[in-house]
Amino acid sequence: MHFDLITGTILVVGLVIAGLLYVGLHTDLVGDVSEREKEEK
């Protein structure tokens, strides 16, 4: 039971980190595109 708890925690933490990285990269890309569009206008 103790090992299951540790494994579950690692999986959750890994998913959270992966999600934050994905959202962060996606936001950066969208931000760059928005800034470029403003500069062109």
N, C-alpha and C. Protein backbone atom coordinates (compact mmCIF):
# COMPACT_ATOMS: atom_id res chain seq x y z
N MET A 1 0.84 -1.20 0.00
CA MET A 1 0.00 0.00 0.00
C MET A 1 0.88 1.25 0.00
N HIS A 2 1.95 1.20 0.77
CA HIS A 2 2.85 2.35 0.85
C HIS A 2 3.51 2.60 -0.51
N PHE A 3 3.89 1.52 -1.20
CA PHE A 3 4.53 1.68 -2.50
C PHE A 3 3.54 2.23 -3.53
N ASP A 4 2.28 1.81 -3.41
CA ASP A 4 1.26 2.31 -4.34
C ASP A 4 1.09 3.81 -4.17
N LEU A 5 1.13 4.27 -2.93
CA LEU A 5 0.97 5.70 -2.65
C LEU A 5 2.12 6.49 -3.27
N ILE A 6 3.34 5.98 -3.10
CA ILE A 6 4.52 6.66 -3.67
C ILE A 6 4.42 6.71 -5.19
N THR A 7 4.09 5.58 -5.81
CA THR A 7 3.98 5.51 -7.27
C THR A 7 2.91 6.47 -7.77
N GLY A 8 1.79 6.49 -7.09
CA GLY A 8 0.69 7.38 -7.50
C GLY A 8 1.11 8.83 -7.41
N THR A 9 1.82 9.17 -6.34
CA THR A 9 2.27 10.56 -6.16
C THR A 9 3.22 10.96 -7.28
N ILE A 10 4.17 10.07 -7.61
CA ILE A 10 5.13 10.34 -8.67
C ILE A 10 4.41 10.56 -10.00
N LEU A 11 3.42 9.71 -10.28
CA LEU A 11 2.68 9.83 -11.54
C LEU A 11 1.94 11.16 -11.60
N VAL A 12 1.28 11.53 -10.50
CA VAL A 12 0.52 12.78 -10.47
C VAL A 12 1.46 13.97 -10.64
N VAL A 13 2.56 13.97 -9.91
CA VAL A 13 3.53 15.07 -10.00
C VAL A 13 4.08 15.17 -11.42
N GLY A 14 4.38 14.01 -12.01
CA GLY A 14 4.90 13.99 -13.38
C GLY A 14 3.89 14.58 -14.36
N LEU A 15 2.63 14.21 -14.20
CA LEU A 15 1.58 14.73 -15.10
C LEU A 15 1.41 16.23 -14.93
N VAL A 16 1.46 16.69 -13.69
CA VAL A 16 1.30 18.14 -13.42
C VAL A 16 2.44 18.91 -14.07
N ILE A 17 3.68 18.43 -13.88
CA ILE A 17 4.85 19.11 -14.46
C ILE A 17 4.73 19.12 -15.98
N ALA A 18 4.37 17.97 -16.56
CA ALA A 18 4.24 17.88 -18.02
C ALA A 18 3.16 18.84 -18.50
N GLY A 19 2.07 18.92 -17.77
CA GLY A 19 0.97 19.81 -18.15
C GLY A 19 1.40 21.27 -18.10
N LEU A 20 2.14 21.64 -17.04
CA LEU A 20 2.60 23.03 -16.91
C LEU A 20 3.57 23.37 -18.03
N LEU A 21 4.47 22.44 -18.35
CA LEU A 21 5.43 22.69 -19.43
C LEU A 21 4.70 22.86 -20.75
N TYR A 22 3.72 21.98 -21.03
CA TYR A 22 2.96 22.05 -22.28
C TYR A 22 2.21 23.38 -22.39
N VAL A 23 1.51 23.74 -21.31
CA VAL A 23 0.75 24.99 -21.31
C VAL A 23 1.70 26.18 -21.43
N GLY A 24 2.83 26.13 -20.73
CA GLY A 24 3.81 27.22 -20.79
C GLY A 24 4.35 27.41 -22.19
N LEU A 25 4.74 26.31 -22.84
CA LEU A 25 5.27 26.42 -24.20
C LEU A 25 4.19 26.90 -25.15
N HIS A 26 2.98 26.38 -25.00
CA HIS A 26 1.87 26.77 -25.89
C HIS A 26 1.56 28.26 -25.72
N THR A 27 1.57 28.72 -24.47
CA THR A 27 1.29 30.13 -24.20
C THR A 27 2.37 31.02 -24.80
N ASP A 28 3.63 30.59 -24.69
CA ASP A 28 4.74 31.37 -25.26
C ASP A 28 4.57 31.49 -26.77
N LEU A 29 4.21 30.39 -27.43
CA LEU A 29 4.03 30.41 -28.89
C LEU A 29 2.90 31.36 -29.27
N VAL A 30 1.78 31.27 -28.57
CA VAL A 30 0.63 32.13 -28.86
C VAL A 30 1.00 33.59 -28.60
N GLY A 31 1.74 33.83 -27.52
CA GLY A 31 2.15 35.19 -27.18
C GLY A 31 3.03 35.78 -28.28
N ASP A 32 3.97 34.98 -28.79
CA ASP A 32 4.86 35.46 -29.85
C ASP A 32 4.05 35.82 -31.09
N VAL A 33 3.10 34.98 -31.45
CA VAL A 33 2.29 35.23 -32.64
C VAL A 33 1.48 36.51 -32.46
N SER A 34 0.89 36.69 -31.28
CA SER A 34 0.07 37.89 -31.02
C SER A 34 0.93 39.14 -31.12
N GLU A 35 2.15 39.09 -30.56
CA GLU A 35 3.03 40.26 -30.59
C GLU A 35 3.42 40.57 -32.03
N ARG A 36 3.69 39.56 -32.84
CA ARG A 36 4.07 39.78 -34.23
C ARG A 36 2.91 40.41 -35.01
N GLU A 37 1.70 39.95 -34.75
CA GLU A 37 0.53 40.50 -35.45
C GLU A 37 0.35 41.97 -35.09
N LYS A 38 0.57 42.32 -33.81
CA LYS A 38 0.42 43.72 -33.38
C LYS A 38 1.47 44.59 -34.06
N GLU A 39 2.72 44.06 -34.16
CA GLU A 39 3.80 44.83 -34.78
C GLU A 39 3.50 45.07 -36.26
N GLU A 40 2.96 44.06 -36.94
CA GLU A 40 2.67 44.19 -38.37
C GLU A 40 1.59 45.25 -38.59
N LYS A 41 0.61 45.30 -37.70
CA LYS A 41 -0.47 46.28 -37.83
C LYS A 41 0.07 47.66 -37.46
